[in-house]
């Protein structure tokens, strides 16, 4: 059980950092769009989408670890 607690803590820390990166990149994407840098905004948009998927994946993993029927 101690291992799972440590994993949950590490995953939570990673989720926090991903959320911070997501926010920064989403703001940059918007600024690039407003500046007419469509290709750059699209490239950043891909990274933003991936970060969102990783965040959801990590959340699902944490929840599965908390489920006693796993």
PDB file of N, CA and C in Angstrom:
ATOM      1  N   UNK A   1       0.821  -1.198   0.000  1.00  0.00           N
ATOM      2  CA  UNK A   1       0.000   0.000   0.000  1.00  0.00           C
ATOM      3  C   UNK A   1       0.862   1.257   0.000  1.00  0.00           C
ATOM      4  N   UNK A   2       2.012   1.195   0.633  1.00  0.00           N
ATOM      5  CA  UNK A   2       2.893   2.359   0.666  1.00  0.00           C
ATOM      6  C   UNK A   2       3.321   2.753  -0.737  1.00  0.00           C
ATOM      7  N   UNK A   3       3.575   1.753  -1.588  1.00  0.00           N
ATOM      8  CA  UNK A   3       3.971   2.050  -2.961  1.00  0.00           C
ATOM      9  C   UNK A   3       2.889   2.840  -3.675  1.00  0.00           C
ATOM     10  N   UNK A   4       1.650   2.420  -3.521  1.00  0.00           N
ATOM     11  CA  UNK A   4       0.544   3.104  -4.191  1.00  0.00           C
ATOM     12  C   UNK A   4       0.440   4.544  -3.709  1.00  0.00           C
ATOM     13  N   UNK A   5       0.592   4.774  -2.420  1.00  0.00           N
ATOM     14  CA  UNK A   5       0.541   6.135  -1.888  1.00  0.00           C
ATOM     15  C   UNK A   5       1.629   6.997  -2.517  1.00  0.00           C
ATOM     16  N   UNK A   6       2.811   6.442  -2.650  1.00  0.00           N
ATOM     17  CA  UNK A   6       3.920   7.178  -3.260  1.00  0.00           C
ATOM     18  C   UNK A   6       3.629   7.443  -4.736  1.00  0.00           C
ATOM     19  N   UNK A   7       3.091   6.451  -5.432  1.00  0.00           N
ATOM     20  CA  UNK A   7       2.764   6.625  -6.848  1.00  0.00           C
ATOM     21  C   UNK A   7       1.710   7.709  -7.034  1.00  0.00           C
ATOM     22  N   UNK A   8       0.701   7.694  -6.166  1.00  0.00           N
ATOM     23  CA  UNK A   8      -0.363   8.695  -6.249  1.00  0.00           C
ATOM     24  C   UNK A   8       0.222  10.088  -6.043  1.00  0.00           C
ATOM     25  N   UNK A   9       1.100  10.214  -5.078  1.00  0.00           N
ATOM     26  CA  UNK A   9       1.738  11.508  -4.813  1.00  0.00           C
ATOM     27  C   UNK A   9       2.548  11.974  -6.020  1.00  0.00           C
ATOM     28  N   UNK A  10       3.329  11.066  -6.597  1.00  0.00           N
ATOM     29  CA  UNK A  10       4.141  11.422  -7.760  1.00  0.00           C
ATOM     30  C   UNK A  10       3.268  11.789  -8.954  1.00  0.00           C
ATOM     31  N   UNK A  11       2.211  11.034  -9.167  1.00  0.00           N
ATOM     32  CA  UNK A  11       1.320  11.309 -10.284  1.00  0.00           C
ATOM     33  C   UNK A  11       0.593  12.635 -10.084  1.00  0.00           C
ATOM     34  N   UNK A  12       0.211  12.936  -8.865  1.00  0.00           N
ATOM     35  CA  UNK A  12      -0.441  14.213  -8.561  1.00  0.00           C
ATOM     36  C   UNK A  12       0.500  15.377  -8.844  1.00  0.00           C
ATOM     37  N   UNK A  13       1.754  15.210  -8.485  1.00  0.00           N
ATOM     38  CA  UNK A  13       2.746  16.250  -8.766  1.00  0.00           C
ATOM     39  C   UNK A  13       2.898  16.448 -10.271  1.00  0.00           C
ATOM     40  N   UNK A  14       2.950  15.355 -11.014  1.00  0.00           N
ATOM     41  CA  UNK A  14       3.059  15.444 -12.471  1.00  0.00           C
ATOM     42  C   UNK A  14       1.825  16.128 -13.059  1.00  0.00           C
ATOM     43  N   UNK A  15       0.643  15.797 -12.538  1.00  0.00           N
ATOM     44  CA  UNK A  15      -0.593  16.427 -13.015  1.00  0.00           C
ATOM     45  C   UNK A  15      -0.560  17.936 -12.799  1.00  0.00           C
ATOM     46  N   UNK A  16      -0.060  18.358 -11.658  1.00  0.00           N
ATOM     47  CA  UNK A  16       0.033  19.785 -11.361  1.00  0.00           C
ATOM     48  C   UNK A  16       0.943  20.482 -12.359  1.00  0.00           C
ATOM     49  N   UNK A  17       2.082  19.877 -12.637  1.00  0.00           N
ATOM     50  CA  UNK A  17       3.026  20.478 -13.583  1.00  0.00           C
ATOM     51  C   UNK A  17       2.464  20.490 -15.000  1.00  0.00           C
ATOM     52  N   UNK A  18       1.764  19.434 -15.376  1.00  0.00           N
ATOM     53  CA  UNK A  18       1.134  19.394 -16.693  1.00  0.00           C
ATOM     54  C   UNK A  18       0.076  20.490 -16.795  1.00  0.00           C
ATOM     55  N   UNK A  19      -0.693  20.684 -15.735  1.00  0.00           N
ATOM     56  CA  UNK A  19      -1.726  21.726 -15.736  1.00  0.00           C
ATOM     57  C   UNK A  19      -1.099  23.111 -15.891  1.00  0.00           C
ATOM     58  N   UNK A  20       0.036  23.331 -15.250  1.00  0.00           N
ATOM     59  CA  UNK A  20       0.732  24.612 -15.379  1.00  0.00           C
ATOM     60  C   UNK A  20       1.214  24.815 -16.810  1.00  0.00           C
ATOM     61  N   UNK A  21       1.814  23.786 -17.393  1.00  0.00           N
ATOM     62  CA  UNK A  21       2.287  23.872 -18.776  1.00  0.00           C
ATOM     63  C   UNK A  21       1.113  24.080 -19.729  1.00  0.00           C
ATOM     64  N   UNK A  22       0.016  23.394 -19.469  1.00  0.00           N
ATOM     65  CA  UNK A  22      -1.185  23.537 -20.293  1.00  0.00           C
ATOM     66  C   UNK A  22      -1.647  24.995 -20.306  1.00  0.00           C
ATOM     67  N   UNK A  23      -1.720  25.599 -19.140  1.00  0.00           N
ATOM     68  CA  UNK A  23      -2.180  26.983 -19.031  1.00  0.00           C
ATOM     69  C   UNK A  23      -1.267  27.931 -19.798  1.00  0.00           C
ATOM     70  N   UNK A  24       0.025  27.775 -19.617  1.00  0.00           N
ATOM     71  CA  UNK A  24       0.995  28.637 -20.298  1.00  0.00           C
ATOM     72  C   UNK A  24       0.875  28.490 -21.812  1.00  0.00           C
ATOM     73  N   UNK A  25       0.826  27.246 -22.276  1.00  0.00           N
ATOM     74  CA  UNK A  25       0.777  27.015 -23.715  1.00  0.00           C
ATOM     75  C   UNK A  25      -0.556  27.435 -24.326  1.00  0.00           C
ATOM     76  N   UNK A  26      -1.653  27.261 -23.603  1.00  0.00           N
ATOM     77  CA  UNK A  26      -2.955  27.706 -24.111  1.00  0.00           C
ATOM     78  C   UNK A  26      -2.974  29.227 -24.267  1.00  0.00           C
ATOM     79  N   UNK A  27      -2.376  29.932 -23.322  1.00  0.00           N
ATOM     80  CA  UNK A  27      -2.282  31.392 -23.417  1.00  0.00           C
ATOM     81  C   UNK A  27      -1.395  31.795 -24.588  1.00  0.00           C
ATOM     82  N   UNK A  28      -0.287  31.087 -24.775  1.00  0.00           N
ATOM     83  CA  UNK A  28       0.605  31.363 -25.901  1.00  0.00           C
ATOM     84  C   UNK A  28      -0.107  31.091 -27.221  1.00  0.00           C
ATOM     85  N   UNK A  29      -0.847  30.004 -27.283  1.00  0.00           N
ATOM     86  CA  UNK A  29      -1.590  29.673 -28.493  1.00  0.00           C
ATOM     87  C   UNK A  29      -2.548  30.810 -28.852  1.00  0.00           C
ATOM     88  N   UNK A  30      -3.263  31.317 -27.872  1.00  0.00           N
ATOM     89  CA  UNK A  30      -4.203  32.412 -28.120  1.00  0.00           C
ATOM     90  C   UNK A  30      -3.472  33.662 -28.605  1.00  0.00           C
ATOM     91  N   UNK A  31      -2.346  33.976 -27.989  1.00  0.00           N
ATOM     92  CA  UNK A  31      -1.573  35.150 -28.401  1.00  0.00           C
ATOM     93  C   UNK A  31      -1.071  34.991 -29.835  1.00  0.00           C
ATOM     94  N   UNK A  32      -0.632  33.788 -30.178  1.00  0.00           N
ATOM     95  CA  UNK A  32      -0.165  33.540 -31.542  1.00  0.00           C
ATOM     96  C   UNK A  32      -1.305  33.674 -32.549  1.00  0.00           C
ATOM     97  N   UNK A  33      -2.483  33.179 -32.189  1.00  0.00           N
ATOM     98  CA  UNK A  33      -3.653  33.328 -33.064  1.00  0.00           C
ATOM     99  C   UNK A  33      -3.949  34.801 -33.307  1.00  0.00           C
ATOM    100  N   UNK A  34      -3.953  35.564 -32.224  1.00  0.00           N
ATOM    101  CA  UNK A  34      -4.256  36.991 -32.328  1.00  0.00           C
ATOM    102  C   UNK A  34      -3.208  37.734 -33.135  1.00  0.00           C
ATOM    103  N   UNK A  35      -1.971  37.237 -33.138  1.00  0.00           N
ATOM    104  CA  UNK A  35      -0.886  37.868 -33.887  1.00  0.00           C
ATOM    105  C   UNK A  35      -0.830  37.381 -35.337  1.00  0.00           C
ATOM    106  N   UNK A  36      -1.742  36.495 -35.705  1.00  0.00           N
ATOM    107  CA  UNK A  36      -1.768  36.008 -37.077  1.00  0.00           C
ATOM    108  C   UNK A  36      -0.782  34.893 -37.377  1.00  0.00           C
ATOM    109  N   UNK A  37      -0.229  34.299 -36.347  1.00  0.00           N
ATOM    110  CA  UNK A  37       0.737  33.205 -36.515  1.00  0.00           C
ATOM    111  C   UNK A  37      -0.003  31.869 -36.481  1.00  0.00           C
ATOM    112  N   UNK A  38      -0.782  31.628 -37.539  1.00  0.00           N
ATOM    113  CA  UNK A  38      -1.685  30.479 -37.560  1.00  0.00           C
ATOM    114  C   UNK A  38      -0.950  29.145 -37.428  1.00  0.00           C
ATOM    115  N   UNK A  39       0.123  28.947 -38.187  1.00  0.00           N
ATOM    116  CA  UNK A  39       0.838  27.661 -38.144  1.00  0.00           C
ATOM    117  C   UNK A  39       1.457  27.413 -36.772  1.00  0.00           C
ATOM    118  N   UNK A  40       2.036  28.445 -36.203  1.00  0.00           N
ATOM    119  CA  UNK A  40       2.626  28.295 -34.872  1.00  0.00           C
ATOM    120  C   UNK A  40       1.544  28.020 -33.825  1.00  0.00           C
ATOM    121  N   UNK A  41       0.417  28.697 -33.955  1.00  0.00           N
ATOM    122  CA  UNK A  41      -0.689  28.478 -33.020  1.00  0.00           C
ATOM    123  C   UNK A  41      -1.208  27.050 -33.131  1.00  0.00           C
ATOM    124  N   UNK A  42      -1.269  26.531 -34.353  1.00  0.00           N
ATOM    125  CA  UNK A  42      -1.723  25.152 -34.538  1.00  0.00           C
ATOM    126  C   UNK A  42      -0.745  24.162 -33.914  1.00  0.00           C
ATOM    127  N   UNK A  43       0.550  24.420 -34.086  1.00  0.00           N
ATOM    128  CA  UNK A  43       1.563  23.530 -33.502  1.00  0.00           C
ATOM    129  C   UNK A  43       1.459  23.525 -31.978  1.00  0.00           C
ATOM    130  N   UNK A  44       1.313  24.692 -31.397  1.00  0.00           N
ATOM    131  CA  UNK A  44       1.151  24.784 -29.944  1.00  0.00           C
ATOM    132  C   UNK A  44      -0.161  24.116 -29.532  1.00  0.00           C
ATOM    133  N   UNK A  45      -1.182  24.257 -30.360  1.00  0.00           N
ATOM    134  CA  UNK A  45      -2.473  23.637 -30.078  1.00  0.00           C
ATOM    135  C   UNK A  45      -2.371  22.126 -29.956  1.00  0.00           C
ATOM    136  N   UNK A  46      -1.528  21.518 -30.788  1.00  0.00           N
ATOM    137  CA  UNK A  46      -1.325  20.070 -30.695  1.00  0.00           C
ATOM    138  C   UNK A  46      -0.739  19.688 -29.339  1.00  0.00           C
ATOM    139  N   UNK A  47       0.224  20.474 -28.884  1.00  0.00           N
ATOM    140  CA  UNK A  47       0.825  20.206 -27.570  1.00  0.00           C
ATOM    141  C   UNK A  47      -0.207  20.392 -26.459  1.00  0.00           C
ATOM    142  N   UNK A  48      -1.037  21.408 -26.584  1.00  0.00           N
ATOM    143  CA  UNK A  48      -2.079  21.668 -25.588  1.00  0.00           C
ATOM    144  C   UNK A  48      -3.038  20.478 -25.513  1.00  0.00           C
ATOM    145  N   UNK A  49      -3.435  19.960 -26.672  1.00  0.00           N
ATOM    146  CA  UNK A  49      -4.344  18.808 -26.701  1.00  0.00           C
ATOM    147  C   UNK A  49      -3.703  17.581 -26.060  1.00  0.00           C
ATOM    148  N   UNK A  50      -2.435  17.356 -26.352  1.00  0.00           N
ATOM    149  CA  UNK A  50      -1.740  16.206 -25.764  1.00  0.00           C
ATOM    150  C   UNK A  50      -1.642  16.332 -24.250  1.00  0.00           C
ATOM    151  N   UNK A  51      -1.319  17.520 -23.780  1.00  0.00           N
ATOM    152  CA  UNK A  51      -1.238  17.722 -22.333  1.00  0.00           C
ATOM    153  C   UNK A  51      -2.587  17.452 -21.671  1.00  0.00           C
ATOM    154  N   UNK A  52      -3.658  17.869 -22.317  1.00  0.00           N
ATOM    155  CA  UNK A  52      -4.996  17.607 -21.768  1.00  0.00           C
ATOM    156  C   UNK A  52      -5.252  16.103 -21.693  1.00  0.00           C
ATOM    157  N   UNK A  53      -4.857  15.375 -22.733  1.00  0.00           N
ATOM    158  CA  UNK A  53      -5.047  13.915 -22.723  1.00  0.00           C
ATOM    159  C   UNK A  53      -4.216  13.267 -21.626  1.00  0.00           C
ATOM    160  N   UNK A  54      -2.973  13.718 -21.464  1.00  0.00           N
ATOM    161  CA  UNK A  54      -2.125  13.159 -20.409  1.00  0.00           C
ATOM    162  C   UNK A  54      -2.732  13.421 -19.039  1.00  0.00           C
ATOM    163  N   UNK A  55      -3.245  14.618 -18.837  1.00  0.00           N
ATOM    164  CA  UNK A  55      -3.881  14.943 -17.561  1.00  0.00           C
ATOM    165  C   UNK A  55      -5.045  14.013 -17.257  1.00  0.00           C
ATOM    166  N   UNK A  56      -5.881  13.757 -18.272  1.00  0.00           N
ATOM    167  CA  UNK A  56      -7.014  12.842 -18.075  1.00  0.00           C
ATOM    168  C   UNK A  56      -6.527  11.420 -17.824  1.00  0.00           C
ATOM    169  N   UNK A  57      -5.503  10.999 -18.550  1.00  0.00           N
ATOM    170  CA  UNK A  57      -4.946   9.657 -18.371  1.00  0.00           C
ATOM    171  C   UNK A  57      -4.426   9.472 -16.949  1.00  0.00           C
ATOM    172  N   UNK A  58      -3.669  10.445 -16.468  1.00  0.00           N
ATOM    173  CA  UNK A  58      -3.107  10.350 -15.122  1.00  0.00           C
ATOM    174  C   UNK A  58      -4.210  10.335 -14.069  1.00  0.00           C
ATOM    175  N   UNK A  59      -5.240  11.137 -14.278  1.00  0.00           N
ATOM    176  CA  UNK A  59      -6.362  11.144 -13.334  1.00  0.00           C
ATOM    177  C   UNK A  59      -7.033   9.770 -13.301  1.00  0.00           C
ATOM    178  N   UNK A  60      -7.243   9.190 -14.472  1.00  0.00           N
ATOM    179  CA  UNK A  60      -7.842   7.850 -14.541  1.00  0.00           C
ATOM    180  C   UNK A  60      -6.971   6.816 -13.830  1.00  0.00           C
ATOM    181  N   UNK A  61      -5.668   6.925 -14.003  1.00  0.00           N
ATOM    182  CA  UNK A  61      -4.754   5.986 -13.346  1.00  0.00           C
ATOM    183  C   UNK A  61      -4.869   6.096 -11.831  1.00  0.00           C
ATOM    184  N   UNK A  62      -4.847   7.323 -11.328  1.00  0.00           N
ATOM    185  CA  UNK A  62      -4.960   7.530  -9.879  1.00  0.00           C
ATOM    186  C   UNK A  62      -6.256   6.944  -9.341  1.00  0.00           C
ATOM    187  N   UNK A  63      -7.344   7.176 -10.069  1.00  0.00           N
ATOM    188  CA  UNK A  63      -8.636   6.659  -9.626  1.00  0.00           C
ATOM    189  C   UNK A  63      -8.659   5.137  -9.639  1.00  0.00           C
ATOM    190  N   UNK A  64      -8.012   4.532 -10.622  1.00  0.00           N
ATOM    191  CA  UNK A  64      -7.991   3.066 -10.674  1.00  0.00           C
ATOM    192  C   UNK A  64      -7.179   2.495  -9.517  1.00  0.00           C
ATOM    193  N   UNK A  65      -6.149   3.194  -9.088  1.00  0.00           N
ATOM    194  CA  UNK A  65      -5.350   2.728  -7.957  1.00  0.00           C
ATOM    195  C   UNK A  65      -6.149   2.800  -6.662  1.00  0.00           C
ATOM    196  N   UNK A  66      -7.066   3.764  -6.592  1.00  0.00           N
ATOM    197  CA  UNK A  66      -7.882   3.919  -5.386  1.00  0.00           C
ATOM    198  C   UNK A  66      -9.022   2.905  -5.345  1.00  0.00           C
ATOM    199  N   UNK A  67      -9.307   2.283  -6.478  1.00  0.00           N
ATOM    200  CA  UNK A  67     -10.404   1.312  -6.568  1.00  0.00           C
ATOM    201  C   UNK A  67      -9.942  -0.037  -6.024  1.00  0.00           C
ATOM    202  N   UNK A  68     -10.563  -0.522  -4.962  1.00  0.00           N
ATOM    203  CA  UNK A  68     -10.123  -1.790  -4.367  1.00  0.00           C
ATOM    204  C   UNK A  68     -10.408  -3.004  -5.251  1.00  0.00           C
ATOM    205  N   UNK A  69     -11.256  -2.855  -6.259  1.00  0.00           N
ATOM    206  CA  UNK A  69     -11.601  -3.971  -7.144  1.00  0.00           C
ATOM    207  C   UNK A  69     -10.720  -4.037  -8.390  1.00  0.00           C
ATOM    208  N   UNK A  70      -9.636  -3.324  -8.388  1.00  0.00           N
ATOM    209  CA  UNK A  70      -8.786  -3.279  -9.595  1.00  0.00           C
ATOM    210  C   UNK A  70      -8.099  -4.568  -9.852  1.00  0.00           C
TER     211      UNK A  70
END
